[in-house]
């Protein structure tokens, strides 16, 4: 008598644990507009660092840091422009997931340099083979980085954090040809 009852409970548990086919499986845990891995848009920059448009609603906190070109093929230049007495001490790159659901979020009001911790970022970061730059400007090689969206985090010698969203395609011909391929992510 007890066996059918336990079997019924087991079946009910299995039925409720099965995923719903209508739910997104890849991104079901990224639901907050401030999640570390979310890329909500990109700032496009030409090879010379000049702006070339904004796509989506970028969740970036990048002033006074410039990361270009964006999108990138084999390297990016990182420049810190605020205080010449300060330098870039650490750089991390975290794989990102594009989301266009947060178009109405005012990231200028939400984002601060204390939003993420260096430990939180480092725990999810890719291993980059660079020495600590201790400079205000340097080139970062992207060799070995797979195509996709990333968030690049920069810490300065005053312990402040800045970040930019980046798209990398090591097989791209030019940054602008890459835009043609990913433009539909931000419509």
C-alpha atoms as a PDB file:
ATOM      1  CA  UNK A   1       0.000   0.000   0.000  1.00  0.00           C
ATOM      2  CA  UNK A   2       2.835   2.407   0.780  1.00  0.00           C
ATOM      3  CA  UNK A   3       4.712   1.731  -2.478  1.00  0.00           C
ATOM      4  CA  UNK A   4       2.069   3.272  -4.809  1.00  0.00           C
ATOM      5  CA  UNK A   5       1.894   6.314  -2.523  1.00  0.00           C
ATOM      6  CA  UNK A   6       5.681   6.824  -2.656  1.00  0.00           C
ATOM      7  CA  UNK A   7       5.653   6.246  -6.404  1.00  0.00           C
ATOM      8  CA  UNK A   8       2.955   8.895  -6.791  1.00  0.00           C
ATOM      9  CA  UNK A   9       5.014  11.405  -4.750  1.00  0.00           C
ATOM     10  CA  UNK A  10       8.153  10.606  -6.769  1.00  0.00           C
ATOM     11  CA  UNK A  11       6.317  11.151 -10.059  1.00  0.00           C
ATOM     12  CA  UNK A  12       4.896  14.456  -8.813  1.00  0.00           C
ATOM     13  CA  UNK A  13       8.387  15.648  -7.836  1.00  0.00           C
ATOM     14  CA  UNK A  14       9.858  14.640 -11.187  1.00  0.00           C
ATOM     15  CA  UNK A  15       7.032  16.347 -13.070  1.00  0.00           C
ATOM     16  CA  UNK A  16       7.484  19.642 -11.214  1.00  0.00           C
ATOM     17  CA  UNK A  17      11.289  19.522 -11.601  1.00  0.00           C
ATOM     18  CA  UNK A  18      11.194  19.213 -15.398  1.00  0.00           C
ATOM     19  CA  UNK A  19      11.941  22.490 -17.196  1.00  0.00           C
ATOM     20  CA  UNK A  20       9.185  24.258 -19.088  1.00  0.00           C
ATOM     21  CA  UNK A  21       9.979  24.244 -22.831  1.00  0.00           C
ATOM     22  CA  UNK A  22       8.846  27.857 -23.125  1.00  0.00           C
ATOM     23  CA  UNK A  23      11.420  29.167 -20.619  1.00  0.00           C
ATOM     24  CA  UNK A  24      14.836  30.294 -21.848  1.00  0.00           C
ATOM     25  CA  UNK A  25      17.353  27.690 -20.704  1.00  0.00           C
ATOM     26  CA  UNK A  26      20.668  29.451 -21.343  1.00  0.00           C
ATOM     27  CA  UNK A  27      19.915  32.704 -19.574  1.00  0.00           C
ATOM     28  CA  UNK A  28      17.335  31.753 -16.974  1.00  0.00           C
ATOM     29  CA  UNK A  29      19.544  32.802 -14.058  1.00  0.00           C
ATOM     30  CA  UNK A  30      20.515  36.203 -15.502  1.00  0.00           C
ATOM     31  CA  UNK A  31      17.492  38.280 -14.670  1.00  0.00           C
ATOM     32  CA  UNK A  32      18.740  41.404 -12.925  1.00  0.00           C
ATOM     33  CA  UNK A  33      19.778  44.500 -14.867  1.00  0.00           C
ATOM     34  CA  UNK A  34      22.914  44.707 -12.695  1.00  0.00           C
ATOM     35  CA  UNK A  35      24.119  41.104 -13.105  1.00  0.00           C
ATOM     36  CA  UNK A  36      27.861  41.032 -13.732  1.00  0.00           C
ATOM     37  CA  UNK A  37      27.633  39.006 -16.960  1.00  0.00           C
ATOM     38  CA  UNK A  38      24.866  40.947 -18.703  1.00  0.00           C
ATOM     39  CA  UNK A  39      25.743  43.041 -21.767  1.00  0.00           C
ATOM     40  CA  UNK A  40      22.841  45.384 -22.509  1.00  0.00           C
ATOM     41  CA  UNK A  41      24.445  47.277 -25.355  1.00  0.00           C
ATOM     42  CA  UNK A  42      27.701  48.462 -26.861  1.00  0.00           C
ATOM     43  CA  UNK A  43      29.457  51.745 -27.479  1.00  0.00           C
ATOM     44  CA  UNK A  44      31.122  51.502 -30.871  1.00  0.00           C
ATOM     45  CA  UNK A  45      34.557  53.068 -31.247  1.00  0.00           C
ATOM     46  CA  UNK A  46      36.715  53.285 -34.345  1.00  0.00           C
ATOM     47  CA  UNK A  47      40.353  52.219 -34.446  1.00  0.00           C
ATOM     48  CA  UNK A  48      41.407  55.799 -33.610  1.00  0.00           C
ATOM     49  CA  UNK A  49      39.116  55.881 -30.542  1.00  0.00           C
ATOM     50  CA  UNK A  50      36.481  58.156 -32.041  1.00  0.00           C
ATOM     51  CA  UNK A  51      32.869  57.230 -31.167  1.00  0.00           C
ATOM     52  CA  UNK A  52      30.877  55.474 -33.865  1.00  0.00           C
ATOM     53  CA  UNK A  53      27.457  55.042 -32.273  1.00  0.00           C
ATOM     54  CA  UNK A  54      25.662  53.367 -29.428  1.00  0.00           C
ATOM     55  CA  UNK A  55      23.767  50.115 -29.771  1.00  0.00           C
ATOM     56  CA  UNK A  56      21.242  49.004 -27.196  1.00  0.00           C
ATOM     57  CA  UNK A  57      21.455  50.553 -23.721  1.00  0.00           C
ATOM     58  CA  UNK A  58      25.062  49.936 -22.620  1.00  0.00           C
ATOM     59  CA  UNK A  59      25.499  49.058 -18.947  1.00  0.00           C
ATOM     60  CA  UNK A  60      28.949  50.611 -18.868  1.00  0.00           C
ATOM     61  CA  UNK A  61      30.748  52.732 -16.321  1.00  0.00           C
ATOM     62  CA  UNK A  62      33.643  53.866 -18.437  1.00  0.00           C
ATOM     63  CA  UNK A  63      34.347  57.549 -17.969  1.00  0.00           C
ATOM     64  CA  UNK A  64      37.378  58.294 -17.855  1.00  0.00           C
ATOM     65  CA  UNK A  65      38.506  55.030 -19.473  1.00  0.00           C
ATOM     66  CA  UNK A  66      38.486  54.369 -23.212  1.00  0.00           C
ATOM     67  CA  UNK A  67      38.609  50.868 -24.729  1.00  0.00           C
ATOM     68  CA  UNK A  68      38.838  50.724 -28.513  1.00  0.00           C
ATOM     69  CA  UNK A  69      38.197  49.644 -31.188  1.00  0.00           C
ATOM     70  CA  UNK A  70      34.837  48.157 -30.364  1.00  0.00           C
ATOM     71  CA  UNK A  71      34.075  45.696 -31.831  1.00  0.00           C
ATOM     72  CA  UNK A  72      37.610  44.310 -31.788  1.00  0.00           C
ATOM     73  CA  UNK A  73      39.535  41.731 -33.753  1.00  0.00           C
ATOM     74  CA  UNK A  74      42.991  41.103 -32.280  1.00  0.00           C
ATOM     75  CA  UNK A  75      43.671  43.814 -29.698  1.00  0.00           C
ATOM     76  CA  UNK A  76      42.216  46.804 -27.918  1.00  0.00           C
ATOM     77  CA  UNK A  77      43.842  49.934 -26.635  1.00  0.00           C
ATOM     78  CA  UNK A  78      42.990  50.902 -23.058  1.00  0.00           C
ATOM     79  CA  UNK A  79      43.505  54.493 -21.955  1.00  0.00           C
ATOM     80  CA  UNK A  80      42.883  56.157 -18.593  1.00  0.00           C
ATOM     81  CA  UNK A  81      42.508  59.911 -19.053  1.00  0.00           C
ATOM     82  CA  UNK A  82      41.477  61.486 -15.729  1.00  0.00           C
ATOM     83  CA  UNK A  83      44.444  61.942 -13.398  1.00  0.00           C
ATOM     84  CA  UNK A  84      48.002  61.553 -14.731  1.00  0.00           C
ATOM     85  CA  UNK A  85      49.169  60.584 -11.227  1.00  0.00           C
ATOM     86  CA  UNK A  86      46.973  57.457 -11.339  1.00  0.00           C
ATOM     87  CA  UNK A  87      47.560  54.327 -13.406  1.00  0.00           C
ATOM     88  CA  UNK A  88      45.669  51.220 -14.508  1.00  0.00           C
ATOM     89  CA  UNK A  89      46.676  48.446 -12.131  1.00  0.00           C
ATOM     90  CA  UNK A  90      44.380  45.551 -13.071  1.00  0.00           C
ATOM     91  CA  UNK A  91      42.379  44.403 -16.072  1.00  0.00           C
ATOM     92  CA  UNK A  92      39.820  41.581 -16.100  1.00  0.00           C
ATOM     93  CA  UNK A  93      37.587  40.250 -18.848  1.00  0.00           C
ATOM     94  CA  UNK A  94      34.332  38.423 -18.115  1.00  0.00           C
ATOM     95  CA  UNK A  95      32.340  36.533 -20.756  1.00  0.00           C
ATOM     96  CA  UNK A  96      29.071  38.366 -21.337  1.00  0.00           C
ATOM     97  CA  UNK A  97      25.544  37.472 -22.346  1.00  0.00           C
ATOM     98  CA  UNK A  98      23.690  39.961 -24.576  1.00  0.00           C
ATOM     99  CA  UNK A  99      20.329  41.152 -23.239  1.00  0.00           C
ATOM    100  CA  UNK A 100      18.113  43.743 -24.884  1.00  0.00           C
ATOM    101  CA  UNK A 101      15.366  43.528 -22.230  1.00  0.00           C
ATOM    102  CA  UNK A 102      16.740  46.428 -20.182  1.00  0.00           C
ATOM    103  CA  UNK A 103      16.350  49.253 -22.685  1.00  0.00           C
ATOM    104  CA  UNK A 104      14.477  51.467 -20.244  1.00  0.00           C
ATOM    105  CA  UNK A 105      16.984  51.194 -17.365  1.00  0.00           C
ATOM    106  CA  UNK A 106      18.852  54.424 -16.539  1.00  0.00           C
ATOM    107  CA  UNK A 107      22.350  53.028 -16.092  1.00  0.00           C
ATOM    108  CA  UNK A 108      23.798  56.511 -15.612  1.00  0.00           C
ATOM    109  CA  UNK A 109      21.911  56.617 -12.292  1.00  0.00           C
ATOM    110  CA  UNK A 110      22.440  52.979 -11.240  1.00  0.00           C
ATOM    111  CA  UNK A 111      26.103  52.304 -11.924  1.00  0.00           C
ATOM    112  CA  UNK A 112      28.872  53.250  -9.499  1.00  0.00           C
ATOM    113  CA  UNK A 113      32.447  52.106  -9.033  1.00  0.00           C
ATOM    114  CA  UNK A 114      31.393  50.218  -5.886  1.00  0.00           C
ATOM    115  CA  UNK A 115      28.739  48.113  -7.617  1.00  0.00           C
ATOM    116  CA  UNK A 116      31.050  45.111  -8.143  1.00  0.00           C
ATOM    117  CA  UNK A 117      34.045  44.029  -6.089  1.00  0.00           C
ATOM    118  CA  UNK A 118      37.415  43.085  -7.526  1.00  0.00           C
ATOM    119  CA  UNK A 119      37.059  39.623  -5.941  1.00  0.00           C
ATOM    120  CA  UNK A 120      33.636  39.114  -7.539  1.00  0.00           C
ATOM    121  CA  UNK A 121      35.012  40.100 -10.955  1.00  0.00           C
ATOM    122  CA  UNK A 122      38.209  38.042 -10.612  1.00  0.00           C
ATOM    123  CA  UNK A 123      36.181  34.939  -9.706  1.00  0.00           C
ATOM    124  CA  UNK A 124      34.458  35.045 -13.116  1.00  0.00           C
ATOM    125  CA  UNK A 125      37.252  36.509 -15.225  1.00  0.00           C
ATOM    126  CA  UNK A 126      39.100  34.854 -18.060  1.00  0.00           C
ATOM    127  CA  UNK A 127      42.780  34.321 -17.546  1.00  0.00           C
ATOM    128  CA  UNK A 128      44.588  37.082 -19.413  1.00  0.00           C
ATOM    129  CA  UNK A 129      48.301  36.690 -20.000  1.00  0.00           C
ATOM    130  CA  UNK A 130      49.320  40.253 -19.252  1.00  0.00           C
ATOM    131  CA  UNK A 131      51.506  41.710 -16.592  1.00  0.00           C
ATOM    132  CA  UNK A 132      49.937  44.372 -14.464  1.00  0.00           C
ATOM    133  CA  UNK A 133      50.280  47.392 -16.690  1.00  0.00           C
ATOM    134  CA  UNK A 134      50.774  50.218 -14.139  1.00  0.00           C
ATOM    135  CA  UNK A 135      50.371  52.640 -16.990  1.00  0.00           C
ATOM    136  CA  UNK A 136      47.772  55.091 -18.224  1.00  0.00           C
ATOM    137  CA  UNK A 137      47.717  53.573 -21.718  1.00  0.00           C
ATOM    138  CA  UNK A 138      48.513  50.174 -23.209  1.00  0.00           C
ATOM    139  CA  UNK A 139      47.414  47.629 -25.818  1.00  0.00           C
ATOM    140  CA  UNK A 140      45.737  44.403 -24.722  1.00  0.00           C
ATOM    141  CA  UNK A 141      46.161  41.417 -27.017  1.00  0.00           C
ATOM    142  CA  UNK A 142      42.998  39.387 -27.589  1.00  0.00           C
ATOM    143  CA  UNK A 143      44.788  36.375 -29.069  1.00  0.00           C
ATOM    144  CA  UNK A 144      43.134  33.159 -27.951  1.00  0.00           C
ATOM    145  CA  UNK A 145      39.863  34.863 -26.979  1.00  0.00           C
ATOM    146  CA  UNK A 146      36.815  33.330 -28.660  1.00  0.00           C
ATOM    147  CA  UNK A 147      34.277  35.401 -30.577  1.00  0.00           C
ATOM    148  CA  UNK A 148      31.564  36.831 -28.373  1.00  0.00           C
ATOM    149  CA  UNK A 149      30.459  39.497 -25.938  1.00  0.00           C
ATOM    150  CA  UNK A 150      32.654  40.443 -23.006  1.00  0.00           C
ATOM    151  CA  UNK A 151      32.805  42.944 -20.199  1.00  0.00           C
ATOM    152  CA  UNK A 152      36.231  44.408 -19.606  1.00  0.00           C
ATOM    153  CA  UNK A 153      36.910  45.749 -16.108  1.00  0.00           C
ATOM    154  CA  UNK A 154      39.718  48.169 -15.284  1.00  0.00           C
ATOM    155  CA  UNK A 155      40.956  49.070 -11.806  1.00  0.00           C
ATOM    156  CA  UNK A 156      43.041  52.189 -11.265  1.00  0.00           C
ATOM    157  CA  UNK A 157      45.671  52.830  -8.602  1.00  0.00           C
ATOM    158  CA  UNK A 158      43.089  54.642  -6.461  1.00  0.00           C
ATOM    159  CA  UNK A 159      41.115  51.339  -6.324  1.00  0.00           C
ATOM    160  CA  UNK A 160      38.252  52.616  -8.517  1.00  0.00           C
ATOM    161  CA  UNK A 161      36.636  50.251 -11.012  1.00  0.00           C
ATOM    162  CA  UNK A 162      35.459  51.102 -14.525  1.00  0.00           C
ATOM    163  CA  UNK A 163      34.050  48.849 -17.225  1.00  0.00           C
ATOM    164  CA  UNK A 164      33.108  48.703 -20.876  1.00  0.00           C
ATOM    165  CA  UNK A 165      31.200  46.134 -22.917  1.00  0.00           C
ATOM    166  CA  UNK A 166      33.114  44.667 -25.827  1.00  0.00           C
ATOM    167  CA  UNK A 167      32.457  42.390 -28.771  1.00  0.00           C
ATOM    168  CA  UNK A 168      35.388  40.359 -30.076  1.00  0.00           C
ATOM    169  CA  UNK A 169      35.581  38.468 -33.352  1.00  0.00           C
ATOM    170  CA  UNK A 170      39.087  37.183 -34.101  1.00  0.00           C
ATOM    171  CA  UNK A 171      37.950  36.166 -37.615  1.00  0.00           C
ATOM    172  CA  UNK A 172      36.422  39.543 -38.487  1.00  0.00           C
ATOM    173  CA  UNK A 173      37.725  41.538 -41.448  1.00  0.00           C
ATOM    174  CA  UNK A 174      37.130  44.995 -39.952  1.00  0.00           C
ATOM    175  CA  UNK A 175      35.307  46.254 -36.858  1.00  0.00           C
ATOM    176  CA  UNK A 176      32.557  47.691 -39.044  1.00  0.00           C
ATOM    177  CA  UNK A 177      32.025  44.394 -40.873  1.00  0.00           C
ATOM    178  CA  UNK A 178      31.524  42.800 -37.454  1.00  0.00           C
ATOM    179  CA  UNK A 179      28.796  45.364 -36.684  1.00  0.00           C
ATOM    180  CA  UNK A 180      26.907  44.175 -39.723  1.00  0.00           C
ATOM    181  CA  UNK A 181      26.960  40.655 -38.302  1.00  0.00           C
ATOM    182  CA  UNK A 182      25.800  41.544 -34.759  1.00  0.00           C
ATOM    183  CA  UNK A 183      23.494  44.521 -35.438  1.00  0.00           C
ATOM    184  CA  UNK A 184      20.413  42.338 -35.050  1.00  0.00           C
ATOM    185  CA  UNK A 185      21.308  41.746 -31.370  1.00  0.00           C
ATOM    186  CA  UNK A 186      20.497  45.417 -30.668  1.00  0.00           C
ATOM    187  CA  UNK A 187      17.389  46.225 -32.693  1.00  0.00           C
END
